[in-house]
């Protein structure tokens, strides 16, 4: 995630907007290629901080 993307994500207050942003980001990374490691790195960072992981919610269809 770029600094600009991180800043944009932090400015989103509604959870559904955050989910949509992460969904867009995952799609963007898939199309660009070479960034397959991004989702695992994001999951690890969330686990380390004890934060909820939006990616897991997207995969399981909870969103």
C-alpha atoms as a PDB file:
ATOM      1  CA  UNK A   1       0.000   0.000   0.000  1.00  0.00           C
ATOM      2  CA  UNK A   2       1.404   3.388  -0.931  1.00  0.00           C
ATOM      3  CA  UNK A   3       1.514   6.259   1.539  1.00  0.00           C
ATOM      4  CA  UNK A   4      -1.313   7.960  -0.344  1.00  0.00           C
ATOM      5  CA  UNK A   5      -3.450   4.806  -0.233  1.00  0.00           C
ATOM      6  CA  UNK A   6      -2.752   4.350   3.466  1.00  0.00           C
ATOM      7  CA  UNK A   7      -3.759   7.947   4.139  1.00  0.00           C
ATOM      8  CA  UNK A   8      -6.954   7.509   2.124  1.00  0.00           C
ATOM      9  CA  UNK A   9      -7.821   4.315   4.006  1.00  0.00           C
ATOM     10  CA  UNK A  10      -7.320   5.986   7.388  1.00  0.00           C
ATOM     11  CA  UNK A  11      -9.635   8.817   6.358  1.00  0.00           C
ATOM     12  CA  UNK A  12     -12.510   6.403   5.635  1.00  0.00           C
ATOM     13  CA  UNK A  13     -14.814   6.277   8.652  1.00  0.00           C
ATOM     14  CA  UNK A  14     -17.509   3.828   7.581  1.00  0.00           C
ATOM     15  CA  UNK A  15     -16.653   0.156   7.661  1.00  0.00           C
ATOM     16  CA  UNK A  16     -18.376  -0.520   4.318  1.00  0.00           C
ATOM     17  CA  UNK A  17     -16.192   2.163   2.704  1.00  0.00           C
ATOM     18  CA  UNK A  18     -13.088   0.546   4.181  1.00  0.00           C
ATOM     19  CA  UNK A  19     -14.180  -2.844   2.845  1.00  0.00           C
ATOM     20  CA  UNK A  20     -14.780  -1.382  -0.616  1.00  0.00           C
ATOM     21  CA  UNK A  21     -11.369   0.295  -0.549  1.00  0.00           C
ATOM     22  CA  UNK A  22      -9.582  -2.944   0.394  1.00  0.00           C
ATOM     23  CA  UNK A  23     -11.539  -4.819  -2.283  1.00  0.00           C
ATOM     24  CA  UNK A  24     -10.430  -2.243  -4.865  1.00  0.00           C
ATOM     25  CA  UNK A  25      -6.845  -2.456  -3.620  1.00  0.00           C
ATOM     26  CA  UNK A  26      -6.774  -6.263  -3.865  1.00  0.00           C
ATOM     27  CA  UNK A  27      -8.166  -6.081  -7.416  1.00  0.00           C
ATOM     28  CA  UNK A  28      -5.589  -3.468  -8.344  1.00  0.00           C
ATOM     29  CA  UNK A  29      -2.750  -5.579  -6.963  1.00  0.00           C
ATOM     30  CA  UNK A  30      -4.004  -8.642  -8.852  1.00  0.00           C
ATOM     31  CA  UNK A  31      -4.074  -6.745 -12.141  1.00  0.00           C
ATOM     32  CA  UNK A  32      -0.645  -5.187 -11.665  1.00  0.00           C
ATOM     33  CA  UNK A  33       0.967  -8.502 -10.817  1.00  0.00           C
ATOM     34  CA  UNK A  34       4.200  -8.917  -8.819  1.00  0.00           C
ATOM     35  CA  UNK A  35       2.307  -8.073  -5.640  1.00  0.00           C
ATOM     36  CA  UNK A  36       0.989 -11.499  -4.662  1.00  0.00           C
ATOM     37  CA  UNK A  37       2.779 -11.253  -1.337  1.00  0.00           C
ATOM     38  CA  UNK A  38       0.819  -8.136  -0.366  1.00  0.00           C
ATOM     39  CA  UNK A  39      -2.227  -9.903   1.064  1.00  0.00           C
ATOM     40  CA  UNK A  40      -0.137 -12.182   3.283  1.00  0.00           C
ATOM     41  CA  UNK A  41       1.964  -9.262   4.499  1.00  0.00           C
ATOM     42  CA  UNK A  42      -1.229  -7.335   5.322  1.00  0.00           C
ATOM     43  CA  UNK A  43      -2.679 -10.311   7.232  1.00  0.00           C
ATOM     44  CA  UNK A  44       0.534 -10.675   9.241  1.00  0.00           C
ATOM     45  CA  UNK A  45       0.540  -6.982  10.089  1.00  0.00           C
ATOM     46  CA  UNK A  46      -3.080  -7.150  11.278  1.00  0.00           C
ATOM     47  CA  UNK A  47      -2.337 -10.218  13.416  1.00  0.00           C
ATOM     48  CA  UNK A  48       0.690  -8.478  14.951  1.00  0.00           C
ATOM     49  CA  UNK A  49      -1.346  -5.395  15.851  1.00  0.00           C
ATOM     50  CA  UNK A  50      -4.385  -7.394  16.958  1.00  0.00           C
ATOM     51  CA  UNK A  51      -6.506  -5.511  14.438  1.00  0.00           C
ATOM     52  CA  UNK A  52      -9.444  -7.010  12.544  1.00  0.00           C
ATOM     53  CA  UNK A  53      -8.467  -8.204   9.097  1.00  0.00           C
ATOM     54  CA  UNK A  54     -10.808  -6.956   6.382  1.00  0.00           C
ATOM     55  CA  UNK A  55      -9.286  -9.329   3.812  1.00  0.00           C
ATOM     56  CA  UNK A  56     -10.510 -12.378   5.718  1.00  0.00           C
ATOM     57  CA  UNK A  57     -14.015 -10.915   5.869  1.00  0.00           C
ATOM     58  CA  UNK A  58     -13.969 -10.330   2.103  1.00  0.00           C
ATOM     59  CA  UNK A  59     -12.816 -13.884   1.394  1.00  0.00           C
ATOM     60  CA  UNK A  60     -15.400 -15.467   3.684  1.00  0.00           C
ATOM     61  CA  UNK A  61     -18.219 -13.350   2.218  1.00  0.00           C
ATOM     62  CA  UNK A  62     -19.110 -11.627   5.479  1.00  0.00           C
ATOM     63  CA  UNK A  63     -19.079  -8.242   3.765  1.00  0.00           C
END
